[in-house]
Amino acid sequence: MSTIRCDIVSAEAEIFQGEATLVVATGELGELGIAPRHAPLITRLKPGKVVVTRPDGSVLDFAIGGGILEVQPQVVTILADTAIRADDIDEAKVRAAKEEAERILAGRGEAMEVAEAQAKLAESLAQLQALERLRKNLKH
């Protein structure tokens, strides 16, 4: 089975490095599926999910806060603004951040505060969706 190396890094740390048979990420224009021998590509990523399928068939879920995806012949690199494994997400903390962002948006604060709240809300939703996918996969 053919594989491609996948590196996921954020400003804080290297989140994942390993072999994959498929990497799915949320690009600006929709979902991207990267398999071995994919054409070279550079694109921006929206806050959302990254799903890595390992050669043994296991699936790893990550939530990212946006970033850049680069595909080279032997490696796919995700340079994320923020990134976290689904099983490392603190649900209570994420829900509190989501509620705070919604409160700011409902009050229609300053333009800068609204933009930050929108970004935080998108990141929180991506993390909650990653948690839901993780729970669903654990049930199977």
N, C-alpha and C. Protein backbone atom coordinates (compact mmCIF):
# COMPACT_ATOMS: atom_id res chain seq x y z
N MET A 1 0.84 -1.18 0.00
CA MET A 1 0.00 0.00 0.00
C MET A 1 0.89 1.24 0.00
N SER A 2 0.55 2.17 -0.85
CA SER A 2 1.31 3.40 -0.98
C SER A 2 0.92 4.38 0.14
N THR A 3 1.93 5.10 0.65
CA THR A 3 1.67 6.07 1.72
C THR A 3 2.35 7.40 1.39
N ILE A 4 1.96 8.41 2.14
CA ILE A 4 2.57 9.73 2.07
C ILE A 4 2.84 10.17 3.50
N ARG A 5 3.97 10.83 3.73
CA ARG A 5 4.26 11.32 5.07
C ARG A 5 3.39 12.55 5.34
N CYS A 6 2.88 12.65 6.54
CA CYS A 6 2.04 13.78 6.94
C CYS A 6 2.65 14.44 8.17
N ASP A 7 2.84 15.74 8.09
CA ASP A 7 3.34 16.53 9.21
C ASP A 7 2.29 17.60 9.52
N ILE A 8 1.85 17.64 10.78
CA ILE A 8 0.93 18.69 11.23
C ILE A 8 1.62 19.44 12.34
N VAL A 9 1.85 20.73 12.12
CA VAL A 9 2.54 21.55 13.11
C VAL A 9 1.75 22.83 13.36
N SER A 10 1.86 23.33 14.59
CA SER A 10 1.28 24.62 14.93
C SER A 10 2.41 25.50 15.43
N ALA A 11 2.09 26.73 15.78
CA ALA A 11 3.10 27.64 16.29
C ALA A 11 3.70 27.12 17.60
N GLU A 12 2.91 26.34 18.36
CA GLU A 12 3.36 25.86 19.66
C GLU A 12 4.16 24.56 19.60
N ALA A 13 3.79 23.65 18.69
CA ALA A 13 4.42 22.33 18.73
C ALA A 13 4.14 21.54 17.47
N GLU A 14 4.90 20.44 17.31
CA GLU A 14 4.59 19.47 16.27
C GLU A 14 3.47 18.59 16.82
N ILE A 15 2.36 18.51 16.12
CA ILE A 15 1.18 17.79 16.59
C ILE A 15 1.20 16.34 16.12
N PHE A 16 1.63 16.12 14.87
CA PHE A 16 1.65 14.76 14.32
C PHE A 16 2.69 14.66 13.23
N GLN A 17 3.35 13.51 13.18
CA GLN A 17 4.25 13.18 12.09
C GLN A 17 4.14 11.68 11.89
N GLY A 18 3.81 11.27 10.68
CA GLY A 18 3.69 9.84 10.42
C GLY A 18 3.22 9.57 9.00
N GLU A 19 3.08 8.29 8.69
CA GLU A 19 2.63 7.87 7.37
C GLU A 19 1.11 7.87 7.30
N ALA A 20 0.59 8.18 6.12
CA ALA A 20 -0.85 8.21 5.92
C ALA A 20 -1.19 7.67 4.53
N THR A 21 -2.39 7.13 4.40
CA THR A 21 -2.89 6.73 3.10
C THR A 21 -3.83 7.78 2.53
N LEU A 22 -4.36 8.64 3.43
CA LEU A 22 -5.25 9.73 3.01
C LEU A 22 -5.25 10.81 4.08
N VAL A 23 -5.22 12.07 3.64
CA VAL A 23 -5.33 13.22 4.53
C VAL A 23 -6.46 14.09 3.99
N VAL A 24 -7.45 14.38 4.84
CA VAL A 24 -8.57 15.22 4.44
C VAL A 24 -8.54 16.48 5.30
N ALA A 25 -8.63 17.64 4.65
CA ALA A 25 -8.59 18.92 5.35
C ALA A 25 -9.66 19.85 4.77
N THR A 26 -10.00 20.88 5.53
CA THR A 26 -11.01 21.85 5.11
C THR A 26 -10.32 23.06 4.49
N GLY A 27 -10.32 23.13 3.16
CA GLY A 27 -9.74 24.26 2.45
C GLY A 27 -10.73 25.40 2.36
N GLU A 28 -10.27 26.52 1.84
CA GLU A 28 -11.15 27.69 1.70
C GLU A 28 -12.34 27.42 0.79
N LEU A 29 -12.16 26.53 -0.20
CA LEU A 29 -13.23 26.26 -1.15
C LEU A 29 -13.90 24.91 -0.92
N GLY A 30 -13.58 24.26 0.20
CA GLY A 30 -14.21 22.97 0.50
C GLY A 30 -13.21 21.93 0.96
N GLU A 31 -13.69 20.69 1.03
CA GLU A 31 -12.87 19.59 1.51
C GLU A 31 -11.81 19.20 0.48
N LEU A 32 -10.60 18.90 0.98
CA LEU A 32 -9.50 18.44 0.15
C LEU A 32 -9.10 17.05 0.61
N GLY A 33 -8.96 16.13 -0.32
CA GLY A 33 -8.46 14.79 -0.01
C GLY A 33 -7.11 14.62 -0.65
N ILE A 34 -6.09 14.34 0.15
CA ILE A 34 -4.72 14.20 -0.36
C ILE A 34 -4.30 12.75 -0.18
N ALA A 35 -4.00 12.09 -1.28
CA ALA A 35 -3.55 10.70 -1.28
C ALA A 35 -2.12 10.66 -1.81
N PRO A 36 -1.42 9.53 -1.64
CA PRO A 36 -0.07 9.42 -2.20
C PRO A 36 -0.06 9.75 -3.70
N ARG A 37 1.00 10.36 -4.14
CA ARG A 37 1.21 10.78 -5.53
C ARG A 37 0.27 11.91 -5.96
N HIS A 38 -0.25 12.68 -5.01
CA HIS A 38 -1.09 13.85 -5.31
C HIS A 38 -0.21 14.91 -5.97
N ALA A 39 -0.79 15.69 -6.83
CA ALA A 39 -0.06 16.78 -7.48
C ALA A 39 0.36 17.81 -6.44
N PRO A 40 1.51 18.47 -6.63
CA PRO A 40 1.93 19.52 -5.70
C PRO A 40 0.86 20.61 -5.59
N LEU A 41 0.72 21.15 -4.38
CA LEU A 41 -0.36 22.08 -4.10
C LEU A 41 -0.02 22.89 -2.87
N ILE A 42 -0.42 24.15 -2.88
CA ILE A 42 -0.38 25.00 -1.68
C ILE A 42 -1.73 25.70 -1.61
N THR A 43 -2.38 25.66 -0.45
CA THR A 43 -3.67 26.32 -0.28
C THR A 43 -3.86 26.72 1.17
N ARG A 44 -4.75 27.67 1.38
CA ARG A 44 -5.09 28.08 2.75
C ARG A 44 -6.18 27.15 3.29
N LEU A 45 -6.15 26.95 4.60
CA LEU A 45 -7.13 26.13 5.28
C LEU A 45 -8.00 26.99 6.18
N LYS A 46 -9.28 26.66 6.25
CA LYS A 46 -10.21 27.32 7.16
C LYS A 46 -10.17 26.59 8.50
N PRO A 47 -10.65 27.23 9.54
CA PRO A 47 -10.81 26.49 10.79
C PRO A 47 -11.72 25.30 10.53
N GLY A 48 -11.29 24.16 10.96
CA GLY A 48 -12.07 22.95 10.71
C GLY A 48 -11.31 21.70 11.06
N LYS A 49 -11.62 20.65 10.33
CA LYS A 49 -11.06 19.36 10.66
C LYS A 49 -9.91 18.98 9.74
N VAL A 50 -9.06 18.11 10.27
CA VAL A 50 -8.08 17.38 9.49
C VAL A 50 -8.22 15.94 9.93
N VAL A 51 -8.42 15.05 8.97
CA VAL A 51 -8.57 13.63 9.26
C VAL A 51 -7.45 12.89 8.55
N VAL A 52 -6.67 12.13 9.31
CA VAL A 52 -5.55 11.37 8.78
C VAL A 52 -5.88 9.88 8.88
N THR A 53 -5.87 9.20 7.73
CA THR A 53 -6.08 7.75 7.71
C THR A 53 -4.72 7.08 7.65
N ARG A 54 -4.43 6.26 8.64
CA ARG A 54 -3.13 5.59 8.76
C ARG A 54 -3.11 4.32 7.90
N PRO A 55 -1.92 3.79 7.59
CA PRO A 55 -1.84 2.57 6.78
C PRO A 55 -2.56 1.37 7.40
N ASP A 56 -2.69 1.33 8.73
CA ASP A 56 -3.38 0.21 9.37
C ASP A 56 -4.91 0.40 9.38
N GLY A 57 -5.38 1.50 8.77
CA GLY A 57 -6.82 1.76 8.69
C GLY A 57 -7.35 2.63 9.82
N SER A 58 -6.55 2.89 10.84
CA SER A 58 -7.01 3.75 11.93
C SER A 58 -7.12 5.19 11.44
N VAL A 59 -7.99 5.95 12.09
CA VAL A 59 -8.25 7.33 11.68
C VAL A 59 -7.95 8.25 12.86
N LEU A 60 -7.18 9.31 12.59
CA LEU A 60 -6.87 10.32 13.60
C LEU A 60 -7.58 11.61 13.23
N ASP A 61 -8.26 12.21 14.21
CA ASP A 61 -8.98 13.46 14.01
C ASP A 61 -8.24 14.60 14.69
N PHE A 62 -8.16 15.74 13.99
CA PHE A 62 -7.55 16.95 14.53
C PHE A 62 -8.48 18.12 14.26
N ALA A 63 -8.45 19.12 15.10
CA ALA A 63 -9.17 20.37 14.87
C ALA A 63 -8.12 21.46 14.72
N ILE A 64 -8.24 22.26 13.65
CA ILE A 64 -7.27 23.33 13.43
C ILE A 64 -7.99 24.66 13.37
N GLY A 65 -7.26 25.71 13.65
CA GLY A 65 -7.81 27.06 13.61
C GLY A 65 -7.42 27.80 12.35
N GLY A 66 -7.28 27.09 11.24
CA GLY A 66 -6.85 27.69 9.98
C GLY A 66 -5.36 27.45 9.77
N GLY A 67 -4.88 27.78 8.58
CA GLY A 67 -3.46 27.60 8.30
C GLY A 67 -3.20 27.41 6.82
N ILE A 68 -2.10 26.71 6.53
CA ILE A 68 -1.65 26.47 5.16
C ILE A 68 -1.42 24.97 4.98
N LEU A 69 -1.82 24.44 3.83
CA LEU A 69 -1.54 23.06 3.47
C LEU A 69 -0.61 23.06 2.27
N GLU A 70 0.47 22.29 2.36
CA GLU A 70 1.41 22.17 1.26
C GLU A 70 1.58 20.69 0.93
N VAL A 71 1.45 20.36 -0.35
CA VAL A 71 1.63 18.99 -0.81
C VAL A 71 2.86 18.95 -1.71
N GLN A 72 3.80 18.10 -1.35
CA GLN A 72 4.98 17.80 -2.16
C GLN A 72 4.91 16.33 -2.54
N PRO A 73 5.77 15.85 -3.45
CA PRO A 73 5.64 14.46 -3.90
C PRO A 73 5.63 13.40 -2.79
N GLN A 74 6.38 13.60 -1.71
CA GLN A 74 6.48 12.58 -0.67
C GLN A 74 5.91 13.00 0.68
N VAL A 75 5.43 14.24 0.79
CA VAL A 75 4.98 14.73 2.10
C VAL A 75 3.86 15.76 1.95
N VAL A 76 2.92 15.70 2.88
CA VAL A 76 1.89 16.74 3.00
C VAL A 76 2.13 17.41 4.34
N THR A 77 2.24 18.74 4.32
CA THR A 77 2.53 19.50 5.52
C THR A 77 1.38 20.45 5.80
N ILE A 78 0.91 20.44 7.04
CA ILE A 78 -0.12 21.37 7.47
C ILE A 78 0.50 22.28 8.52
N LEU A 79 0.58 23.56 8.18
CA LEU A 79 1.10 24.58 9.10
C LEU A 79 -0.14 25.28 9.66
N ALA A 80 -0.55 24.89 10.84
CA ALA A 80 -1.80 25.37 11.42
C ALA A 80 -1.57 26.53 12.37
N ASP A 81 -2.53 27.47 12.37
CA ASP A 81 -2.49 28.55 13.35
C ASP A 81 -2.57 27.95 14.75
N THR A 82 -3.55 27.07 14.94
CA THR A 82 -3.67 26.27 16.16
C THR A 82 -4.10 24.88 15.73
N ALA A 83 -3.69 23.87 16.46
CA ALA A 83 -4.08 22.50 16.14
C ALA A 83 -4.11 21.68 17.42
N ILE A 84 -5.06 20.73 17.46
CA ILE A 84 -5.19 19.86 18.62
C ILE A 84 -5.78 18.54 18.18
N ARG A 85 -5.29 17.46 18.78
CA ARG A 85 -5.88 16.14 18.53
C ARG A 85 -7.26 16.10 19.17
N ALA A 86 -8.18 15.42 18.53
CA ALA A 86 -9.55 15.35 19.05
C ALA A 86 -9.58 14.79 20.47
N ASP A 87 -8.75 13.79 20.77
CA ASP A 87 -8.79 13.20 22.10
C ASP A 87 -8.10 14.05 23.17
N ASP A 88 -7.50 15.19 22.78
CA ASP A 88 -6.89 16.10 23.74
C ASP A 88 -7.76 17.33 24.03
N ILE A 89 -8.93 17.41 23.40
CA ILE A 89 -9.80 18.58 23.54
C ILE A 89 -10.51 18.56 24.89
N ASP A 90 -10.48 19.70 25.58
CA ASP A 90 -11.19 19.90 26.84
C ASP A 90 -12.57 20.45 26.50
N GLU A 91 -13.58 19.59 26.51
CA GLU A 91 -14.91 19.97 26.05
C GLU A 91 -15.49 21.15 26.84
N ALA A 92 -15.33 21.15 28.15
CA ALA A 92 -15.89 22.23 28.97
C ALA A 92 -15.26 23.57 28.60
N LYS A 93 -13.96 23.59 28.40
CA LYS A 93 -13.25 24.81 28.03
C LYS A 93 -13.70 25.31 26.66
N VAL A 94 -13.87 24.39 25.71
CA VAL A 94 -14.29 24.77 24.36
C VAL A 94 -15.72 25.32 24.38
N ARG A 95 -16.60 24.66 25.13
CA ARG A 95 -17.99 25.14 25.20
C ARG A 95 -18.05 26.54 25.83
N ALA A 96 -17.21 26.80 26.84
CA ALA A 96 -17.17 28.12 27.47
C ALA A 96 -16.68 29.17 26.47
N ALA A 97 -15.66 28.83 25.69
CA ALA A 97 -15.15 29.77 24.67
C ALA A 97 -16.20 30.04 23.60
N LYS A 98 -16.93 29.00 23.22
CA LYS A 98 -18.01 29.15 22.22
C LYS A 98 -19.09 30.08 22.74
N GLU A 99 -19.51 29.88 23.99
CA GLU A 99 -20.55 30.73 24.58
C GLU A 99 -20.09 32.18 24.69
N GLU A 100 -18.83 32.40 25.05
CA GLU A 100 -18.28 33.76 25.15
C GLU A 100 -18.29 34.42 23.77
N ALA A 101 -17.87 33.69 22.74
CA ALA A 101 -17.87 34.24 21.39
C ALA A 101 -19.28 34.57 20.93
N GLU A 102 -20.23 33.70 21.22
CA GLU A 102 -21.63 33.96 20.85
C GLU A 102 -22.18 35.19 21.59
N ARG A 103 -21.78 35.36 22.86
CA ARG A 103 -22.23 36.52 23.64
C ARG A 103 -21.72 37.82 23.02
N ILE A 104 -20.46 37.82 22.63
CA ILE A 104 -19.86 39.02 22.01
C ILE A 104 -20.56 39.32 20.69
N LEU A 105 -20.81 38.27 19.89
CA LEU A 105 -21.47 38.48 18.60
C LEU A 105 -22.91 38.97 18.78
N ALA A 106 -23.59 38.47 19.80
CA ALA A 106 -24.98 38.89 20.05
C ALA A 106 -25.03 40.36 20.47
N GLY A 107 -24.01 40.82 21.20
CA GLY A 107 -23.96 42.20 21.66
C GLY A 107 -23.45 43.16 20.61
N ARG A 108 -22.92 42.61 19.51
CA ARG A 108 -22.37 43.43 18.43
C ARG A 108 -21.40 44.48 18.96
N GLY A 109 -20.31 43.97 19.53
CA GLY A 109 -19.29 44.85 20.08
C GLY A 109 -18.51 45.56 18.99
N GLU A 110 -17.32 46.02 19.32
CA GLU A 110 -16.44 46.70 18.37
C GLU A 110 -16.10 45.76 17.21
N ALA A 111 -15.77 46.33 16.05
CA ALA A 111 -15.48 45.54 14.86
C ALA A 111 -14.36 44.52 15.11
N MET A 112 -13.30 44.97 15.79
CA MET A 112 -12.17 44.07 16.06
C MET A 112 -12.60 42.95 17.00
N GLU A 113 -13.38 43.27 18.00
CA GLU A 113 -13.85 42.27 18.95
C GLU A 113 -14.76 41.26 18.25
N VAL A 114 -15.61 41.72 17.33
CA VAL A 114 -16.51 40.84 16.58
C VAL A 114 -15.69 39.89 15.70
N ALA A 115 -14.67 40.40 15.02
CA ALA A 115 -13.84 39.56 14.16
C ALA A 115 -13.13 38.48 14.98
N GLU A 116 -12.61 38.86 16.14
CA GLU A 116 -11.95 37.88 17.01
C GLU A 116 -12.96 36.86 17.52
N ALA A 117 -14.16 37.29 17.84
CA ALA A 117 -15.20 36.39 18.33
C ALA A 117 -15.62 35.41 17.23
N GLN A 118 -15.72 35.90 16.00
CA GLN A 118 -16.07 35.01 14.89
C GLN A 118 -15.00 33.94 14.68
N ALA A 119 -13.74 34.33 14.76
CA ALA A 119 -12.65 33.37 14.61
C ALA A 119 -12.67 32.35 15.75
N LYS A 120 -12.89 32.82 16.97
CA LYS A 120 -12.93 31.92 18.13
C LYS A 120 -14.13 30.98 18.04
N LEU A 121 -15.25 31.47 17.57
CA LEU A 121 -16.44 30.63 17.40
C LEU A 121 -16.18 29.54 16.36
N ALA A 122 -15.56 29.89 15.24
CA ALA A 122 -15.25 28.90 14.21
C ALA A 122 -14.30 27.84 14.75
N GLU A 123 -13.30 28.26 15.51
CA GLU A 123 -12.34 27.31 16.09
C GLU A 123 -13.03 26.41 17.11
N SER A 124 -13.90 26.97 17.93
CA SER A 124 -14.62 26.18 18.93
C SER A 124 -15.53 25.15 18.27
N LEU A 125 -16.23 25.57 17.23
CA LEU A 125 -17.11 24.64 16.52
C LEU A 125 -16.32 23.50 15.87
N ALA A 126 -15.15 23.82 15.31
CA ALA A 126 -14.29 22.78 14.71
C ALA A 126 -13.85 21.77 15.77
N GLN A 127 -13.51 22.25 16.96
CA GLN A 127 -13.09 21.35 18.03
C GLN A 127 -14.24 20.49 18.51
N LEU A 128 -15.43 21.06 18.64
CA LEU A 128 -16.59 20.28 19.07
C LEU A 128 -16.96 19.23 18.03
N GLN A 129 -16.84 19.56 16.75
CA GLN A 129 -17.11 18.58 15.70
C GLN A 129 -16.09 17.45 15.73
N ALA A 130 -14.84 17.78 16.00
CA ALA A 130 -13.80 16.75 16.11
C ALA A 130 -14.12 15.80 17.27
N LEU A 131 -14.59 16.35 18.38
CA LEU A 131 -14.98 15.52 19.53
C LEU A 131 -16.14 14.60 19.15
N GLU A 132 -17.12 15.11 18.43
CA GLU A 132 -18.25 14.29 18.00
C GLU A 132 -17.80 13.16 17.09
N ARG A 133 -16.90 13.45 16.14
CA ARG A 133 -16.39 12.40 15.24
C ARG A 133 -15.62 11.35 16.04
N LEU A 134 -14.83 11.79 17.02
CA LEU A 134 -14.07 10.85 17.85
C LEU A 134 -15.02 9.94 18.61
N ARG A 135 -16.04 10.49 19.21
CA ARG A 135 -17.01 9.68 19.96
C ARG A 135 -17.73 8.70 19.05
N LYS A 136 -18.08 9.13 17.84
CA LYS A 136 -18.76 8.26 16.89
C LYS A 136 -17.84 7.09 16.49
N ASN A 137 -16.55 7.40 16.24
CA ASN A 137 -15.61 6.35 15.86
C ASN A 137 -15.37 5.36 16.99
N LEU A 138 -15.40 5.83 18.23
CA LEU A 138 -15.19 4.94 19.38
C LEU A 138 -16.36 3.97 19.56
N LYS A 139 -17.55 4.37 19.12
CA LYS A 139 -18.73 3.52 19.24
C LYS A 139 -18.69 2.38 18.24
N HIS A 140 -17.97 2.55 17.12
CA HIS A 140 -17.93 1.51 16.07
C HIS A 140 -16.96 0.44 16.40
